[in-house]
C-alpha atoms as a PDB file:
ATOM      1  CA  MET A   1       0.231 -10.848 -16.168  1.00  0.00           C
ATOM      2  CA  ARG A   2      -1.506  -8.062 -14.291  1.00  0.00           C
ATOM      3  CA  LYS A   3       0.639  -5.151 -13.056  1.00  0.00           C
ATOM      4  CA  ILE A   4       0.059  -4.209  -9.421  1.00  0.00           C
ATOM      5  CA  VAL A   5       1.529  -1.363  -7.410  1.00  0.00           C
ATOM      6  CA  VAL A   6       0.718  -0.401  -3.838  1.00  0.00           C
ATOM      7  CA  ILE A   7       0.485   3.076  -2.353  1.00  0.00           C
ATOM      8  CA  ALA A   8       0.904   3.067   1.441  1.00  0.00           C
ATOM      9  CA  HIS A   9      -0.233   6.474   2.684  1.00  0.00           C
ATOM     10  CA  ASP A  10       0.357   7.738   6.229  1.00  0.00           C
ATOM     11  CA  ILE A  11       1.103   4.305   7.675  1.00  0.00           C
ATOM     12  CA  ARG A  12       2.595   4.991  11.096  1.00  0.00           C
ATOM     13  CA  SER A  13       4.083   1.608  12.043  1.00  0.00           C
ATOM     14  CA  THR A  14       7.568   0.718  10.858  1.00  0.00           C
ATOM     15  CA  HIS A  15       6.688  -2.933  11.437  1.00  0.00           C
ATOM     16  CA  ASN A  16       3.693  -2.623   9.107  1.00  0.00           C
ATOM     17  CA  VAL A  17       5.928  -1.030   6.475  1.00  0.00           C
ATOM     18  CA  GLY A  18       8.462  -3.851   6.733  1.00  0.00           C
ATOM     19  CA  SER A  19       5.746  -6.473   6.587  1.00  0.00           C
ATOM     20  CA  LEU A  20       4.137  -4.736   3.605  1.00  0.00           C
ATOM     21  CA  LEU A  21       7.440  -4.685   1.702  1.00  0.00           C
ATOM     22  CA  ARG A  22       7.938  -8.390   2.412  1.00  0.00           C
ATOM     23  CA  THR A  23       4.360  -9.235   1.395  1.00  0.00           C
ATOM     24  CA  ALA A  24       4.586  -7.136  -1.778  1.00  0.00           C
ATOM     25  CA  GLU A  25       7.892  -8.752  -2.740  1.00  0.00           C
ATOM     26  CA  GLY A  26       6.484 -12.233  -2.170  1.00  0.00           C
ATOM     27  CA  LEU A  27       3.385 -11.538  -4.264  1.00  0.00           C
ATOM     28  CA  GLY A  28       5.190  -9.894  -7.186  1.00  0.00           C
ATOM     29  CA  VAL A  29       4.120  -6.266  -6.717  1.00  0.00           C
ATOM     30  CA  GLU A  30       5.865  -3.981  -9.233  1.00  0.00           C
ATOM     31  CA  LYS A  31       6.528  -1.151  -6.748  1.00  0.00           C
ATOM     32  CA  VAL A  32       5.435   0.134  -3.351  1.00  0.00           C
ATOM     33  CA  TYR A  33       4.979   3.870  -2.947  1.00  0.00           C
ATOM     34  CA  LEU A  34       5.468   5.073   0.638  1.00  0.00           C
ATOM     35  CA  THR A  35       3.671   8.420   0.846  1.00  0.00           C
ATOM     36  CA  GLY A  36       2.867  11.067   3.407  1.00  0.00           C
ATOM     37  CA  TYR A  37       4.465  10.388   6.782  1.00  0.00           C
ATOM     38  CA  THR A  38       4.895   6.662   6.137  1.00  0.00           C
ATOM     39  CA  PRO A  39       8.345   5.620   7.426  1.00  0.00           C
ATOM     40  CA  TYR A  40      10.769   4.337   4.809  1.00  0.00           C
ATOM     41  CA  PRO A  41      14.081   2.437   4.654  1.00  0.00           C
ATOM     42  CA  LEU A  42      17.462   4.075   4.145  1.00  0.00           C
ATOM     43  CA  HIS A  43      18.352   5.137   0.611  1.00  0.00           C
ATOM     44  CA  ASP A  44      21.327   6.723  -1.158  1.00  0.00           C
ATOM     45  CA  LYS A  45      20.152  10.339  -1.017  1.00  0.00           C
ATOM     46  CA  ASP A  46      18.527  10.167   2.415  1.00  0.00           C
ATOM     47  CA  ALA A  47      18.126  13.666   3.888  1.00  0.00           C
ATOM     48  CA  ARG A  48      16.960  12.496   7.323  1.00  0.00           C
ATOM     49  CA  LEU A  49      19.221  12.792  10.354  1.00  0.00           C
ATOM     50  CA  PRO A  50      21.415   9.675  10.262  1.00  0.00           C
ATOM     51  CA  HIS A  51      20.543   8.418  13.754  1.00  0.00           C
ATOM     52  CA  LEU A  52      16.801   8.693  13.020  1.00  0.00           C
ATOM     53  CA  ALA A  53      17.071   7.155   9.545  1.00  0.00           C
ATOM     54  CA  ASN A  54      19.104   4.235  10.940  1.00  0.00           C
ATOM     55  CA  LYS A  55      16.650   3.626  13.789  1.00  0.00           C
ATOM     56  CA  ILE A  56      13.674   3.597  11.392  1.00  0.00           C
ATOM     57  CA  HIS A  57      15.557   1.384   8.927  1.00  0.00           C
ATOM     58  CA  GLN A  58      16.378  -1.163  11.648  1.00  0.00           C
ATOM     59  CA  GLN A  59      12.729  -1.293  12.740  1.00  0.00           C
ATOM     60  CA  ILE A  60      11.580  -1.849   9.143  1.00  0.00           C
ATOM     61  CA  GLN A  61      14.225  -4.572   8.682  1.00  0.00           C
ATOM     62  CA  LYS A  62      12.776  -6.584  11.586  1.00  0.00           C
ATOM     63  CA  THR A  63       9.721  -7.527   9.555  1.00  0.00           C
ATOM     64  CA  ALA A  64      10.955  -6.940   5.999  1.00  0.00           C
ATOM     65  CA  LEU A  65      13.744  -9.514   6.395  1.00  0.00           C
ATOM     66  CA  GLY A  66      15.634  -8.149   3.388  1.00  0.00           C
ATOM     67  CA  ALA A  67      12.629  -7.226   1.255  1.00  0.00           C
ATOM     68  CA  GLU A  68      13.517  -3.555   1.780  1.00  0.00           C
ATOM     69  CA  LYS A  69      16.432  -4.297  -0.586  1.00  0.00           C
ATOM     70  CA  SER A  70      14.716  -6.560  -3.134  1.00  0.00           C
ATOM     71  CA  GLN A  71      11.275  -4.905  -3.410  1.00  0.00           C
ATOM     72  CA  LYS A  72      11.174  -1.758  -5.552  1.00  0.00           C
ATOM     73  CA  TRP A  73       9.883   1.161  -3.498  1.00  0.00           C
ATOM     74  CA  GLU A  74       9.756   4.920  -3.695  1.00  0.00           C
ATOM     75  CA  GLN A  75       9.128   7.540  -1.044  1.00  0.00           C
ATOM     76  CA  SER A  76       7.077  10.665  -1.701  1.00  0.00           C
ATOM     77  CA  GLU A  77       5.297  13.041   0.631  1.00  0.00           C
ATOM     78  CA  ASN A  78       2.988  14.126  -2.211  1.00  0.00           C
ATOM     79  CA  ILE A  79       0.407  11.402  -2.727  1.00  0.00           C
ATOM     80  CA  GLU A  80      -1.577  13.472  -5.234  1.00  0.00           C
ATOM     81  CA  ALA A  81       1.457  13.593  -7.555  1.00  0.00           C
ATOM     82  CA  VAL A  82       1.959   9.819  -7.215  1.00  0.00           C
ATOM     83  CA  ILE A  83      -1.697   9.141  -8.038  1.00  0.00           C
ATOM     84  CA  ALA A  84      -1.654  11.550 -10.995  1.00  0.00           C
ATOM     85  CA  SER A  85       1.488   9.912 -12.389  1.00  0.00           C
ATOM     86  CA  LEU A  86       0.051   6.408 -12.023  1.00  0.00           C
ATOM     87  CA  LYS A  87      -3.194   7.464 -13.718  1.00  0.00           C
ATOM     88  CA  GLN A  88      -1.151   8.891 -16.583  1.00  0.00           C
ATOM     89  CA  GLU A  89       0.563   5.484 -16.882  1.00  0.00           C
ATOM     90  CA  GLY A  90      -2.854   3.818 -17.184  1.00  0.00           C
ATOM     91  CA  TYR A  91      -3.281   2.491 -13.647  1.00  0.00           C
ATOM     92  CA  ALA A  92      -6.723   2.309 -12.079  1.00  0.00           C
ATOM     93  CA  ILE A  93      -6.544   3.535  -8.485  1.00  0.00           C
ATOM     94  CA  ALA A  94      -8.465   1.314  -6.050  1.00  0.00           C
ATOM     95  CA  ALA A  95      -8.756   2.302  -2.403  1.00  0.00           C
ATOM     96  CA  LEU A  96      -8.831  -0.584   0.050  1.00  0.00           C
ATOM     97  CA  GLU A  97     -11.337   1.019   2.381  1.00  0.00           C
ATOM     98  CA  GLN A  98     -14.641   0.446   4.091  1.00  0.00           C
ATOM     99  CA  ALA A  99     -16.509   3.203   2.305  1.00  0.00           C
ATOM    100  CA  GLN A 100     -19.992   3.849   1.009  1.00  0.00           C
ATOM    101  CA  GLY A 101     -20.324   2.224  -2.395  1.00  0.00           C
ATOM    102  CA  ALA A 102     -17.268  -0.012  -1.900  1.00  0.00           C
ATOM    103  CA  ILE A 103     -17.127  -3.204  -3.973  1.00  0.00           C
ATOM    104  CA  SER A 104     -16.810  -6.455  -2.062  1.00  0.00           C
ATOM    105  CA  LEU A 105     -13.334  -7.799  -2.873  1.00  0.00           C
ATOM    106  CA  PRO A 106     -14.560 -11.259  -3.994  1.00  0.00           C
ATOM    107  CA  GLU A 107     -16.788  -9.545  -6.596  1.00  0.00           C
ATOM    108  CA  TYR A 108     -14.067  -7.225  -7.950  1.00  0.00           C
ATOM    109  CA  GLN A 109     -12.697  -7.839 -11.437  1.00  0.00           C
ATOM    110  CA  PRO A 110      -9.329  -6.061 -11.466  1.00  0.00           C
ATOM    111  CA  PRO A 111      -8.027  -4.273 -14.568  1.00  0.00           C
ATOM    112  CA  ASP A 112      -4.651  -5.070 -16.155  1.00  0.00           C
ATOM    113  CA  LYS A 113      -2.935  -2.235 -14.262  1.00  0.00           C
ATOM    114  CA  ILE A 114      -4.027  -1.483 -10.711  1.00  0.00           C
ATOM    115  CA  ALA A 115      -2.698   0.677  -7.887  1.00  0.00           C
ATOM    116  CA  ILE A 116      -4.007  -0.396  -4.480  1.00  0.00           C
ATOM    117  CA  LEU A 117      -4.214   2.540  -2.082  1.00  0.00           C
ATOM    118  CA  LEU A 118      -3.859   1.831   1.652  1.00  0.00           C
ATOM    119  CA  GLY A 119      -4.529   4.392   4.376  1.00  0.00           C
ATOM    120  CA  THR A 120      -3.710   4.958   8.013  1.00  0.00           C
ATOM    121  CA  GLU A 121      -4.090   2.034  10.360  1.00  0.00           C
ATOM    122  CA  VAL A 122      -6.885   3.557  12.455  1.00  0.00           C
ATOM    123  CA  GLU A 123      -8.667   6.249  10.442  1.00  0.00           C
ATOM    124  CA  GLY A 124      -8.212   4.900   6.920  1.00  0.00           C
ATOM    125  CA  LEU A 125      -8.389   7.223   3.921  1.00  0.00           C
ATOM    126  CA  ASP A 126      -9.982  10.663   3.935  1.00  0.00           C
ATOM    127  CA  THR A 127     -12.737  11.627   1.511  1.00  0.00           C
ATOM    128  CA  GLU A 128     -10.413  13.796  -0.623  1.00  0.00           C
ATOM    129  CA  LEU A 129      -8.207  10.804  -1.409  1.00  0.00           C
ATOM    130  CA  LEU A 130     -11.186   8.518  -1.965  1.00  0.00           C
ATOM    131  CA  ALA A 131     -12.428  11.005  -4.569  1.00  0.00           C
ATOM    132  CA  LEU A 132      -9.199  10.451  -6.567  1.00  0.00           C
ATOM    133  CA  CYS A 133      -9.859   6.709  -6.819  1.00  0.00           C
ATOM    134  CA  SER A 134     -11.742   4.867  -9.537  1.00  0.00           C
ATOM    135  CA  SER A 135     -13.123   2.418  -6.973  1.00  0.00           C
ATOM    136  CA  ALA A 136     -13.111   1.413  -3.323  1.00  0.00           C
ATOM    137  CA  LEU A 137     -12.699  -2.222  -2.324  1.00  0.00           C
ATOM    138  CA  GLU A 138     -13.909  -3.760   0.910  1.00  0.00           C
ATOM    139  CA  ILE A 139     -13.017  -7.113   2.444  1.00  0.00           C
ATOM    140  CA  PRO A 140     -16.094  -8.799   3.952  1.00  0.00           C
ATOM    141  CA  MET A 141     -15.811  -9.392   7.698  1.00  0.00           C
ATOM    142  CA  PHE A 142     -17.379 -12.429   9.359  1.00  0.00           C
ATOM    143  CA  GLY A 143     -16.249 -12.114  12.979  1.00  0.00           C
ATOM    144  CA  GLN A 144     -16.773  -9.479  15.629  1.00  0.00           C
ATOM    145  CA  LYS A 145     -13.892  -7.247  14.555  1.00  0.00           C
ATOM    146  CA  GLU A 146     -14.609  -4.453  12.092  1.00  0.00           C
ATOM    147  CA  SER A 147     -11.367  -4.556  10.119  1.00  0.00           C
ATOM    148  CA  PHE A 148      -8.102  -6.377   9.402  1.00  0.00           C
ATOM    149  CA  ASN A 149      -4.572  -5.156   9.984  1.00  0.00           C
ATOM    150  CA  VAL A 150      -3.521  -3.009   7.022  1.00  0.00           C
ATOM    151  CA  VAL A 151      -0.901  -5.504   5.818  1.00  0.00           C
ATOM    152  CA  GLN A 152      -3.166  -8.545   6.078  1.00  0.00           C
ATOM    153  CA  ALA A 153      -5.841  -6.632   4.177  1.00  0.00           C
ATOM    154  CA  ALA A 154      -3.271  -5.615   1.556  1.00  0.00           C
ATOM    155  CA  ALA A 155      -2.114  -9.230   1.193  1.00  0.00           C
ATOM    156  CA  MET A 156      -5.672 -10.444   0.566  1.00  0.00           C
ATOM    157  CA  CYS A 157      -6.292  -7.682  -1.970  1.00  0.00           C
ATOM    158  CA  ILE A 158      -2.980  -8.157  -3.801  1.00  0.00           C
ATOM    159  CA  TYR A 159      -3.512 -11.917  -3.967  1.00  0.00           C
ATOM    160  CA  HIS A 160      -7.055 -11.456  -5.311  1.00  0.00           C
ATOM    161  CA  CYS A 161      -5.905  -8.940  -7.928  1.00  0.00           C
ATOM    162  CA  LYS A 162      -2.928 -11.079  -8.952  1.00  0.00           C
ATOM    163  CA  PHE A 163      -4.759 -14.359  -9.453  1.00  0.00           C
ATOM    164  CA  ILE A 164      -8.414 -13.594 -10.247  1.00  0.00           C
ATOM    165  CA  ASN A 165      -9.235 -14.362 -13.886  1.00  0.00           C
END
């Protein structure tokens, strides 16, 4: 079975984080890395001010519905270190981004170990991060909108990578 991890970088919405954790848990993602300023649930060695950490945790819980406890996750401000570590473990890093040269998701043949990199809800990933990826994946759009919500896009990509032969 293919190993999939997700890197959620600079996601601003606590509700998106909760939904992503729930989606990842439901689709069998090995681990979710919450990097940059992405909000994260409470943990044992939390250094944030308690009232802020609790408020953020409660907002994440609204959409995670317990997945914040059952889905493995890790918080790191240093995305470059996370990517370097995953590459060392043999993961291909695939950005889910509308970028020049991106592969249409239905045409993508995922490797045995893949890390799916998600960027900010509005701006997406910057060129420096895209340069660290082995590929960029794009979901074809058929309506008038130019993009999907970050979690819906992640769900489509995870599902494709999990079940494509």
